[in-house]
Structures are given as C-alpha cells and as structure tokens.
Amino acid sequence: VIPLAIEAALRPGRTFTVNGTDFDTRDGTAVRDYVHVTDLARAHVLAGEKLLRDPGVHVYNLGTGTGTTVNELVDAVSRASGTLLPVAYGPRRAGD
C-alpha cells in the first residue's frame, strides 16, 4: 500500500484508493502495523537460525506495536512528498 500511495503522490494523474471508511478506528479507515521489508527479512533469518539451534515449533509476531490508519499514511506521504495526495474512497476489500 505504501508504494501505491507514493506512486499516486509522484505521478500526475494517479489516484490512491482508500478501501473502506467504516472501520471501527479513529478515522474510519483500516489500521495496519507497517514494517520495513529489511526488518522483516532480518526476522526471517533470525527465526531460521533459531530453528537450526532449537528444532520445533516457534511462533513469532513481528511489528512495531503502533497501528497507523490508511488516512494517516496518506497524510504522511503527502507531507513527505510535498504534494497533496489525490485520494478516492471506495468500499472495503473482500476479507477486510
């Protein structure tokens, strides 16, 4: 979702679609805990190393512990890009 928002901010004529505005959240949009891909990759390596040392089933949750709404993401991308992100609001995606 982050690359789509950045693309909409930087490419004229692109619009970012926010799917769902009726969630039980602070602004009605979905909340996600965004994790950088490098952190996720490192966690996979560490989990693999742990499995080699200690075989069995291990459960790990990876996150920042801070939820960000899609509208907050839109605001952050707008601030970072110095442009007003063009936004369209649509229905929730299936499964949300």
PDB file of N, CA and C in Angstrom:
ATOM      1  N   VAL A   1       0.822  -1.191   0.000  1.00  0.00           N
ATOM      2  CA  VAL A   1       0.000   0.000   0.000  1.00  0.00           C
ATOM      3  C   VAL A   1       0.871   1.263   0.000  1.00  0.00           C
ATOM      4  N   ILE A   2       2.008   1.207   0.657  1.00  0.00           N
ATOM      5  CA  ILE A   2       2.885   2.381   0.697  1.00  0.00           C
ATOM      6  C   ILE A   2       3.405   2.733  -0.696  1.00  0.00           C
ATOM      7  N   PRO A   3       3.907   1.766  -1.479  1.00  0.00           N
ATOM      8  CA  PRO A   3       4.349   2.124  -2.837  1.00  0.00           C
ATOM      9  C   PRO A   3       3.228   2.717  -3.692  1.00  0.00           C
ATOM     10  N   LEU A   4       2.001   2.234  -3.529  1.00  0.00           N
ATOM     11  CA  LEU A   4       0.880   2.781  -4.292  1.00  0.00           C
ATOM     12  C   LEU A   4       0.608   4.229  -3.909  1.00  0.00           C
ATOM     13  N   ALA A   5       0.704   4.536  -2.624  1.00  0.00           N
ATOM     14  CA  ALA A   5       0.496   5.914  -2.172  1.00  0.00           C
ATOM     15  C   ALA A   5       1.601   6.823  -2.700  1.00  0.00           C
ATOM     16  N   ILE A   6       2.832   6.356  -2.657  1.00  0.00           N
ATOM     17  CA  ILE A   6       3.954   7.158  -3.162  1.00  0.00           C
ATOM     18  C   ILE A   6       3.811   7.387  -4.661  1.00  0.00           C
ATOM     19  N   GLU A   7       3.432   6.353  -5.384  1.00  0.00           N
ATOM     20  CA  GLU A   7       3.241   6.492  -6.830  1.00  0.00           C
ATOM     21  C   GLU A   7       2.161   7.524  -7.142  1.00  0.00           C
ATOM     22  N   ALA A   8       1.069   7.499  -6.404  1.00  0.00           N
ATOM     23  CA  ALA A   8      -0.004   8.473  -6.628  1.00  0.00           C
ATOM     24  C   ALA A   8       0.459   9.892  -6.322  1.00  0.00           C
ATOM     25  N   ALA A   9       1.348  10.031  -5.346  1.00  0.00           N
ATOM     26  CA  ALA A   9       1.851  11.363  -4.993  1.00  0.00           C
ATOM     27  C   ALA A   9       2.805  11.905  -6.045  1.00  0.00           C
ATOM     28  N   LEU A  10       3.575  11.032  -6.664  1.00  0.00           N
ATOM     29  CA  LEU A  10       4.644  11.483  -7.557  1.00  0.00           C
ATOM     30  C   LEU A  10       4.301  11.441  -9.041  1.00  0.00           C
ATOM     31  N   ARG A  11       3.252  10.735  -9.411  1.00  0.00           N
ATOM     32  CA  ARG A  11       2.889  10.630 -10.828  1.00  0.00           C
ATOM     33  C   ARG A  11       1.594  11.382 -11.092  1.00  0.00           C
ATOM     34  N   PRO A  12       1.660  12.435 -11.873  1.00  0.00           N
ATOM     35  CA  PRO A  12       0.440  13.184 -12.195  1.00  0.00           C
ATOM     36  C   PRO A  12      -0.622  12.269 -12.813  1.00  0.00           C
ATOM     37  N   GLY A  13      -1.848  12.482 -12.411  1.00  0.00           N
ATOM     38  CA  GLY A  13      -2.954  11.693 -12.942  1.00  0.00           C
ATOM     39  C   GLY A  13      -3.256  10.427 -12.170  1.00  0.00           C
ATOM     40  N   ARG A  14      -2.398  10.067 -11.224  1.00  0.00           N
ATOM     41  CA  ARG A  14      -2.629   8.862 -10.418  1.00  0.00           C
ATOM     42  C   ARG A  14      -3.453   9.219  -9.189  1.00  0.00           C
ATOM     43  N   THR A  15      -4.299   8.304  -8.784  1.00  0.00           N
ATOM     44  CA  THR A  15      -5.124   8.479  -7.594  1.00  0.00           C
ATOM     45  C   THR A  15      -4.917   7.278  -6.681  1.00  0.00           C
ATOM     46  N   PHE A  16      -4.833   7.543  -5.397  1.00  0.00           N
ATOM     47  CA  PHE A  16      -4.702   6.483  -4.404  1.00  0.00           C
ATOM     48  C   PHE A  16      -6.093   6.156  -3.882  1.00  0.00           C
ATOM     49  N   THR A  17      -6.448   4.876  -3.879  1.00  0.00           N
ATOM     50  CA  THR A  17      -7.766   4.464  -3.399  1.00  0.00           C
ATOM     51  C   THR A  17      -7.671   3.940  -1.975  1.00  0.00           C
ATOM     52  N   VAL A  18      -8.475   4.520  -1.100  1.00  0.00           N
ATOM     53  CA  VAL A  18      -8.612   4.058   0.277  1.00  0.00           C
ATOM     54  C   VAL A  18      -9.816   3.125   0.298  1.00  0.00           C
ATOM     55  N   ASN A  19      -9.583   1.875   0.634  1.00  0.00           N
ATOM     56  CA  ASN A  19     -10.657   0.885   0.636  1.00  0.00           C
ATOM     57  C   ASN A  19     -11.296   0.781   2.009  1.00  0.00           C
ATOM     58  N   GLY A  20     -12.458   1.373   2.142  1.00  0.00           N
ATOM     59  CA  GLY A  20     -13.217   1.291   3.387  1.00  0.00           C
ATOM     60  C   GLY A  20     -13.055   2.514   4.260  1.00  0.00           C
ATOM     61  N   THR A  21     -14.190   3.056   4.665  1.00  0.00           N
ATOM     62  CA  THR A  21     -14.195   4.214   5.569  1.00  0.00           C
ATOM     63  C   THR A  21     -15.111   3.968   6.762  1.00  0.00           C
ATOM     64  N   ASP A  22     -15.505   2.705   6.946  1.00  0.00           N
ATOM     65  CA  ASP A  22     -16.459   2.382   8.007  1.00  0.00           C
ATOM     66  C   ASP A  22     -15.884   1.422   9.050  1.00  0.00           C
ATOM     67  N   PHE A  23     -14.568   1.400   9.165  1.00  0.00           N
ATOM     68  CA  PHE A  23     -13.930   0.565  10.184  1.00  0.00           C
ATOM     69  C   PHE A  23     -14.088   1.220  11.555  1.00  0.00           C
ATOM     70  N   ASP A  24     -14.072   0.412  12.598  1.00  0.00           N
ATOM     71  CA  ASP A  24     -14.163   0.939  13.959  1.00  0.00           C
ATOM     72  C   ASP A  24     -12.770   1.395  14.403  1.00  0.00           C
ATOM     73  N   THR A  25     -12.298   2.480  13.772  1.00  0.00           N
ATOM     74  CA  THR A  25     -10.972   3.031  14.056  1.00  0.00           C
ATOM     75  C   THR A  25     -11.108   4.530  14.271  1.00  0.00           C
ATOM     76  N   ARG A  26     -10.022   5.177  14.620  1.00  0.00           N
ATOM     77  CA  ARG A  26     -10.078   6.602  14.955  1.00  0.00           C
ATOM     78  C   ARG A  26     -10.518   7.483  13.794  1.00  0.00           C
ATOM     79  N   ASP A  27     -10.307   7.042  12.537  1.00  0.00           N
ATOM     80  CA  ASP A  27     -10.778   7.865  11.412  1.00  0.00           C
ATOM     81  C   ASP A  27     -11.607   7.074  10.406  1.00  0.00           C
ATOM     82  N   GLY A  28     -11.959   5.838  10.752  1.00  0.00           N
ATOM     83  CA  GLY A  28     -12.811   5.032   9.893  1.00  0.00           C
ATOM     84  C   GLY A  28     -12.080   4.207   8.850  1.00  0.00           C
ATOM     85  N   THR A  29     -10.763   4.435   8.693  1.00  0.00           N
ATOM     86  CA  THR A  29     -10.002   3.650   7.721  1.00  0.00           C
ATOM     87  C   THR A  29      -9.244   2.539   8.445  1.00  0.00           C
ATOM     88  N   ALA A  30      -8.824   1.545   7.680  1.00  0.00           N
ATOM     89  CA  ALA A  30      -8.155   0.375   8.258  1.00  0.00           C
ATOM     90  C   ALA A  30      -6.862   0.766   8.970  1.00  0.00           C
ATOM     91  N   VAL A  31      -6.545   0.033  10.020  1.00  0.00           N
ATOM     92  CA  VAL A  31      -5.296   0.231  10.764  1.00  0.00           C
ATOM     93  C   VAL A  31      -4.364  -0.930  10.449  1.00  0.00           C
ATOM     94  N   ARG A  32      -3.121  -0.591  10.161  1.00  0.00           N
ATOM     95  CA  ARG A  32      -2.101  -1.603   9.893  1.00  0.00           C
ATOM     96  C   ARG A  32      -0.830  -1.244  10.656  1.00  0.00           C
ATOM     97  N   ASP A  33      -0.044  -2.247  10.963  1.00  0.00           N
ATOM     98  CA  ASP A  33       1.258  -2.050  11.592  1.00  0.00           C
ATOM     99  C   ASP A  33       2.288  -2.244  10.485  1.00  0.00           C
ATOM    100  N   TYR A  34       2.772  -1.142   9.928  1.00  0.00           N
ATOM    101  CA  TYR A  34       3.683  -1.200   8.785  1.00  0.00           C
ATOM    102  C   TYR A  34       5.096  -1.517   9.248  1.00  0.00           C
ATOM    103  N   VAL A  35       5.702  -2.523   8.615  1.00  0.00           N
ATOM    104  CA  VAL A  35       7.041  -2.985   8.962  1.00  0.00           C
ATOM    105  C   VAL A  35       7.914  -2.879   7.714  1.00  0.00           C
ATOM    106  N   HIS A  36       9.126  -2.374   7.874  1.00  0.00           N
ATOM    107  CA  HIS A  36      10.038  -2.250   6.735  1.00  0.00           C
ATOM    108  C   HIS A  36      10.486  -3.635   6.287  1.00  0.00           C
ATOM    109  N   VAL A  37      10.593  -3.812   4.991  1.00  0.00           N
ATOM    110  CA  VAL A  37      10.939  -5.115   4.419  1.00  0.00           C
ATOM    111  C   VAL A  37      12.300  -5.615   4.914  1.00  0.00           C
ATOM    112  N   THR A  38      13.238  -4.721   5.167  1.00  0.00           N
ATOM    113  CA  THR A  38      14.550  -5.131   5.680  1.00  0.00           C
ATOM    114  C   THR A  38      14.415  -5.743   7.072  1.00  0.00           C
ATOM    115  N   ASP A  39      13.573  -5.143   7.897  1.00  0.00           N
ATOM    116  CA  ASP A  39      13.339  -5.689   9.235  1.00  0.00           C
ATOM    117  C   ASP A  39      12.669  -7.057   9.152  1.00  0.00           C
ATOM    118  N   LEU A  40      11.736  -7.195   8.235  1.00  0.00           N
ATOM    119  CA  LEU A  40      11.053  -8.468   8.052  1.00  0.00           C
ATOM    120  C   LEU A  40      12.021  -9.548   7.570  1.00  0.00           C
ATOM    121  N   ALA A  41      12.873  -9.202   6.622  1.00  0.00           N
ATOM    122  CA  ALA A  41      13.858 -10.163   6.112  1.00  0.00           C
ATOM    123  C   ALA A  41      14.813 -10.596   7.221  1.00  0.00           C
ATOM    124  N   ARG A  42      15.274  -9.647   8.018  1.00  0.00           N
ATOM    125  CA  ARG A  42      16.184  -9.974   9.123  1.00  0.00           C
ATOM    126  C   ARG A  42      15.502 -10.899  10.134  1.00  0.00           C
ATOM    127  N   ALA A  43      14.231 -10.652  10.397  1.00  0.00           N
ATOM    128  CA  ALA A  43      13.489 -11.504  11.326  1.00  0.00           C
ATOM    129  C   ALA A  43      13.392 -12.932  10.795  1.00  0.00           C
ATOM    130  N   HIS A  44      13.213 -13.076   9.484  1.00  0.00           N
ATOM    131  CA  HIS A  44      13.173 -14.418   8.898  1.00  0.00           C
ATOM    132  C   HIS A  44      14.515 -15.135   9.078  1.00  0.00           C
ATOM    133  N   VAL A  45      15.601 -14.427   8.874  1.00  0.00           N
ATOM    134  CA  VAL A  45      16.929 -15.018   9.055  1.00  0.00           C
ATOM    135  C   VAL A  45      17.115 -15.449  10.507  1.00  0.00           C
ATOM    136  N   LEU A  46      16.769 -14.575  11.438  1.00  0.00           N
ATOM    137  CA  LEU A  46      16.907 -14.909  12.858  1.00  0.00           C
ATOM    138  C   LEU A  46      16.042 -16.101  13.243  1.00  0.00           C
ATOM    139  N   ALA A  47      14.827 -16.160  12.708  1.00  0.00           N
ATOM    140  CA  ALA A  47      13.944 -17.291  13.006  1.00  0.00           C
ATOM    141  C   ALA A  47      14.527 -18.584  12.443  1.00  0.00           C
ATOM    142  N   GLY A  48      15.103 -18.516  11.249  1.00  0.00           N
ATOM    143  CA  GLY A  48      15.742 -19.696  10.662  1.00  0.00           C
ATOM    144  C   GLY A  48      16.928 -20.165  11.478  1.00  0.00           C
ATOM    145  N   GLU A  49      17.731 -19.218  11.944  1.00  0.00           N
ATOM    146  CA  GLU A  49      18.883 -19.565  12.784  1.00  0.00           C
ATOM    147  C   GLU A  49      18.430 -20.209  14.089  1.00  0.00           C
ATOM    148  N   LYS A  50      17.366 -19.684  14.670  1.00  0.00           N
ATOM    149  CA  LYS A  50      16.819 -20.244  15.907  1.00  0.00           C
ATOM    150  C   LYS A  50      16.334 -21.672  15.671  1.00  0.00           C
ATOM    151  N   LEU A  51      15.680 -21.897  14.537  1.00  0.00           N
ATOM    152  CA  LEU A  51      15.168 -23.225  14.210  1.00  0.00           C
ATOM    153  C   LEU A  51      16.299 -24.245  14.056  1.00  0.00           C
ATOM    154  N   LEU A  52      17.434 -23.812  13.519  1.00  0.00           N
ATOM    155  CA  LEU A  52      18.585 -24.709  13.392  1.00  0.00           C
ATOM    156  C   LEU A  52      19.147 -25.088  14.758  1.00  0.00           C
ATOM    157  N   ARG A  53      19.129 -24.141  15.696  1.00  0.00           N
ATOM    158  CA  ARG A  53      19.648 -24.396  17.046  1.00  0.00           C
ATOM    159  C   ARG A  53      18.645 -25.140  17.919  1.00  0.00           C
ATOM    160  N   ASP A  54      17.367 -24.879  17.688  1.00  0.00           N
ATOM    161  CA  ASP A  54      16.314 -25.397  18.563  1.00  0.00           C
ATOM    162  C   ASP A  54      15.128 -25.854  17.712  1.00  0.00           C
ATOM    163  N   PRO A  55      15.217 -27.060  17.122  1.00  0.00           N
ATOM    164  CA  PRO A  55      14.132 -27.540  16.258  1.00  0.00           C
ATOM    165  C   PRO A  55      12.805 -27.603  17.009  1.00  0.00           C
ATOM    166  N   GLY A  56      11.755 -27.448  16.272  1.00  0.00           N
ATOM    167  CA  GLY A  56      10.422 -27.499  16.856  1.00  0.00           C
ATOM    168  C   GLY A  56       9.565 -26.381  16.296  1.00  0.00           C
ATOM    169  N   VAL A  57       8.472 -26.163  16.960  1.00  0.00           N
ATOM    170  CA  VAL A  57       7.541 -25.122  16.530  1.00  0.00           C
ATOM    171  C   VAL A  57       7.774 -23.871  17.362  1.00  0.00           C
ATOM    172  N   HIS A  58       7.972 -22.767  16.693  1.00  0.00           N
ATOM    173  CA  HIS A  58       8.159 -21.480  17.358  1.00  0.00           C
ATOM    174  C   HIS A  58       7.235 -20.469  16.687  1.00  0.00           C
ATOM    175  N   VAL A  59       6.591 -19.656  17.465  1.00  0.00           N
ATOM    176  CA  VAL A  59       5.678 -18.646  16.927  1.00  0.00           C
ATOM    177  C   VAL A  59       6.249 -17.273  17.222  1.00  0.00           C
ATOM    178  N   TYR A  60       6.308 -16.438  16.198  1.00  0.00           N
ATOM    179  CA  TYR A  60       6.836 -15.085  16.347  1.00  0.00           C
ATOM    180  C   TYR A  60       5.854 -14.095  15.738  1.00  0.00           C
ATOM    181  N   ASN A  61       5.698 -12.980  16.375  1.00  0.00           N
ATOM    182  CA  ASN A  61       4.930 -11.870  15.831  1.00  0.00           C
ATOM    183  C   ASN A  61       5.891 -10.718  15.613  1.00  0.00           C
ATOM    184  N   LEU A  62       5.840 -10.133  14.444  1.00  0.00           N
ATOM    185  CA  LEU A  62       6.737  -9.034  14.124  1.00  0.00           C
ATOM    186  C   LEU A  62       5.911  -7.788  13.864  1.00  0.00           C
ATOM    187  N   GLY A  63       6.247  -6.723  14.532  1.00  0.00           N
ATOM    188  CA  GLY A  63       5.541  -5.462  14.322  1.00  0.00           C
ATOM    189  C   GLY A  63       6.187  -4.366  15.131  1.00  0.00           C
ATOM    190  N   THR A  64       5.723  -3.164  14.887  1.00  0.00           N
ATOM    191  CA  THR A  64       6.244  -2.014  15.625  1.00  0.00           C
ATOM    192  C   THR A  64       5.464  -1.778  16.904  1.00  0.00           C
ATOM    193  N   GLY A  65       4.247  -2.345  16.953  1.00  0.00           N
ATOM    194  CA  GLY A  65       3.387  -2.095  18.095  1.00  0.00           C
ATOM    195  C   GLY A  65       2.577  -0.824  17.950  1.00  0.00           C
ATOM    196  N   THR A  66       2.719  -0.156  16.819  1.00  0.00           N
ATOM    197  CA  THR A  66       1.992   1.084  16.574  1.00  0.00           C
ATOM    198  C   THR A  66       1.165   0.937  15.307  1.00  0.00           C
ATOM    199  N   GLY A  67      -0.141   1.059  15.440  1.00  0.00           N
ATOM    200  CA  GLY A  67      -1.014   0.991  14.281  1.00  0.00           C
ATOM    201  C   GLY A  67      -1.149   2.351  13.618  1.00  0.00           C
ATOM    202  N   THR A  68      -1.174   2.343  12.307  1.00  0.00           N
ATOM    203  CA  THR A  68      -1.332   3.562  11.516  1.00  0.00           C
ATOM    204  C   THR A  68      -2.536   3.376  10.610  1.00  0.00           C
ATOM    205  N   THR A  69      -3.452   4.344  10.610  1.00  0.00           N
ATOM    206  CA  THR A  69      -4.601   4.235   9.718  1.00  0.00           C
ATOM    207  C   THR A  69      -4.174   4.577   8.297  1.00  0.00           C
ATOM    208  N   VAL A  70      -4.979   4.158   7.338  1.00  0.00           N
ATOM    209  CA  VAL A  70      -4.670   4.460   5.944  1.00  0.00           C
ATOM    210  C   VAL A  70      -4.695   5.970   5.722  1.00  0.00           C
ATOM    211  N   ASN A  71      -5.632   6.675   6.350  1.00  0.00           N
ATOM    212  CA  ASN A  71      -5.646   8.140   6.216  1.00  0.00           C
ATOM    213  C   ASN A  71      -4.389   8.774   6.811  1.00  0.00           C
ATOM    214  N   GLU A  72      -3.877   8.235   7.901  1.00  0.00           N
ATOM    215  CA  GLU A  72      -2.622   8.742   8.464  1.00  0.00           C
ATOM    216  C   GLU A  72      -1.464   8.485   7.509  1.00  0.00           C
ATOM    217  N   LEU A  73      -1.486   7.341   6.834  1.00  0.00           N
ATOM    218  CA  LEU A  73      -0.477   7.048   5.821  1.00  0.00           C
ATOM    219  C   LEU A  73      -0.565   8.055   4.676  1.00  0.00           C
ATOM    220  N   VAL A  74      -1.776   8.360   4.233  1.00  0.00           N
ATOM    221  CA  VAL A  74      -1.987   9.360   3.179  1.00  0.00           C
ATOM    222  C   VAL A  74      -1.388  10.696   3.605  1.00  0.00           C
ATOM    223  N   ASP A  75      -1.655  11.118   4.835  1.00  0.00           N
ATOM    224  CA  ASP A  75      -1.107  12.387   5.338  1.00  0.00           C
ATOM    225  C   ASP A  75       0.417  12.355   5.366  1.00  0.00           C
ATOM    226  N   ALA A  76       0.998  11.247   5.805  1.00  0.00           N
ATOM    227  CA  ALA A  76       2.459  11.135   5.884  1.00  0.00           C
ATOM    228  C   ALA A  76       3.095  11.205   4.499  1.00  0.00           C
ATOM    229  N   VAL A  77       2.511  10.526   3.524  1.00  0.00           N
ATOM    230  CA  VAL A  77       3.046  10.561   2.161  1.00  0.00           C
ATOM    231  C   VAL A  77       2.901  11.961   1.580  1.00  0.00           C
ATOM    232  N   SER A  78       1.793  12.624   1.852  1.00  0.00           N
ATOM    233  CA  SER A  78       1.602  13.998   1.375  1.00  0.00           C
ATOM    234  C   SER A  78       2.668  14.926   1.949  1.00  0.00           C
ATOM    235  N   ARG A  79       2.919  14.807   3.242  1.00  0.00           N
ATOM    236  CA  ARG A  79       3.945  15.651   3.874  1.00  0.00           C
ATOM    237  C   ARG A  79       5.329  15.358   3.303  1.00  0.00           C
ATOM    238  N   ALA A  80       5.660  14.077   3.177  1.00  0.00           N
ATOM    239  CA  ALA A  80       6.993  13.692   2.703  1.00  0.00           C
ATOM    240  C   ALA A  80       7.227  14.093   1.251  1.00  0.00           C
ATOM    241  N   SER A  81       6.189  14.042   0.438  1.00  0.00           N
ATOM    242  CA  SER A  81       6.336  14.352  -0.989  1.00  0.00           C
ATOM    243  C   SER A  81       6.126  15.828  -1.299  1.00  0.00           C
ATOM    244  N   GLY A  82       5.552  16.552  -0.344  1.00  0.00           N
ATOM    245  CA  GLY A  82       5.261  17.966  -0.586  1.00  0.00           C
ATOM    246  C   GLY A  82       4.107  18.175  -1.551  1.00  0.00           C
ATOM    247  N   THR A  83       3.298  17.147  -1.749  1.00  0.00           N
ATOM    248  CA  THR A  83       2.136  17.250  -2.629  1.00  0.00           C
ATOM    249  C   THR A  83       0.894  16.767  -1.896  1.00  0.00           C
ATOM    250  N   LEU A  84      -0.240  17.216  -2.361  1.00  0.00           N
ATOM    251  CA  LEU A  84      -1.499  16.731  -1.815  1.00  0.00           C
ATOM    252  C   LEU A  84      -1.842  15.440  -2.545  1.00  0.00           C
ATOM    253  N   LEU A  85      -1.842  14.354  -1.836  1.00  0.00           N
ATOM    254  CA  LEU A  85      -2.085  13.046  -2.433  1.00  0.00           C
ATOM    255  C   LEU A  85      -3.528  12.958  -2.916  1.00  0.00           C
ATOM    256  N   PRO A  86      -3.742  12.707  -4.223  1.00  0.00           N
ATOM    257  CA  PRO A  86      -5.108  12.548  -4.722  1.00  0.00           C
ATOM    258  C   PRO A  86      -5.697  11.233  -4.211  1.00  0.00           C
ATOM    259  N   VAL A  87      -6.838  11.320  -3.538  1.00  0.00           N
ATOM    260  CA  VAL A  87      -7.428  10.154  -2.885  1.00  0.00           C
ATOM    261  C   VAL A  87      -8.852   9.936  -3.374  1.00  0.00           C
ATOM    262  N   ALA A  88      -9.185   8.678  -3.610  1.00  0.00           N
ATOM    263  CA  ALA A  88     -10.562   8.258  -3.865  1.00  0.00           C
ATOM    264  C   ALA A  88     -10.927   7.271  -2.761  1.00  0.00           C
ATOM    265  N   TYR A  89     -12.151   7.332  -2.308  1.00  0.00           N
ATOM    266  CA  TYR A  89     -12.604   6.421  -1.261  1.00  0.00           C
ATOM    267  C   TYR A  89     -13.544   5.394  -1.869  1.00  0.00           C
ATOM    268  N   GLY A  90     -13.271   4.124  -1.586  1.00  0.00           N
ATOM    269  CA  GLY A  90     -14.083   3.041  -2.114  1.00  0.00           C
ATOM    270  C   GLY A  90     -14.525   2.115  -1.002  1.00  0.00           C
ATOM    271  N   PRO A  91     -15.226   1.048  -1.362  1.00  0.00           N
ATOM    272  CA  PRO A  91     -15.694   0.090  -0.357  1.00  0.00           C
ATOM    273  C   PRO A  91     -14.543  -0.747   0.191  1.00  0.00           C
ATOM    274  N   ARG A  92     -14.817  -1.411   1.283  1.00  0.00           N
ATOM    275  CA  ARG A  92     -13.837  -2.343   1.850  1.00  0.00           C
ATOM    276  C   ARG A  92     -13.489  -3.418   0.830  1.00  0.00           C
ATOM    277  N   ARG A  93     -12.280  -3.923   0.936  1.00  0.00           N
ATOM    278  CA  ARG A  93     -11.890  -5.075   0.126  1.00  0.00           C
ATOM    279  C   ARG A  93     -12.488  -6.332   0.754  1.00  0.00           C
ATOM    280  N   ALA A  94     -12.700  -7.342  -0.042  1.00  0.00           N
ATOM    281  CA  ALA A  94     -13.206  -8.613   0.480  1.00  0.00           C
ATOM    282  C   ALA A  94     -12.239  -9.133   1.540  1.00  0.00           C
ATOM    283  N   GLY A  95     -12.766  -9.527   2.672  1.00  0.00           N
ATOM    284  CA  GLY A  95     -11.936 -10.069   3.735  1.00  0.00           C
ATOM    285  C   GLY A  95     -11.490  -9.058   4.773  1.00  0.00           C
ATOM    286  N   ASP A  96     -11.706  -7.779   4.504  1.00  0.00           N
ATOM    287  CA  ASP A  96     -11.302  -6.751   5.481  1.00  0.00           C
ATOM    288  C   ASP A  96     -12.322  -6.613   6.583  1.00  0.00           C
TER     289      ASP A  96
END
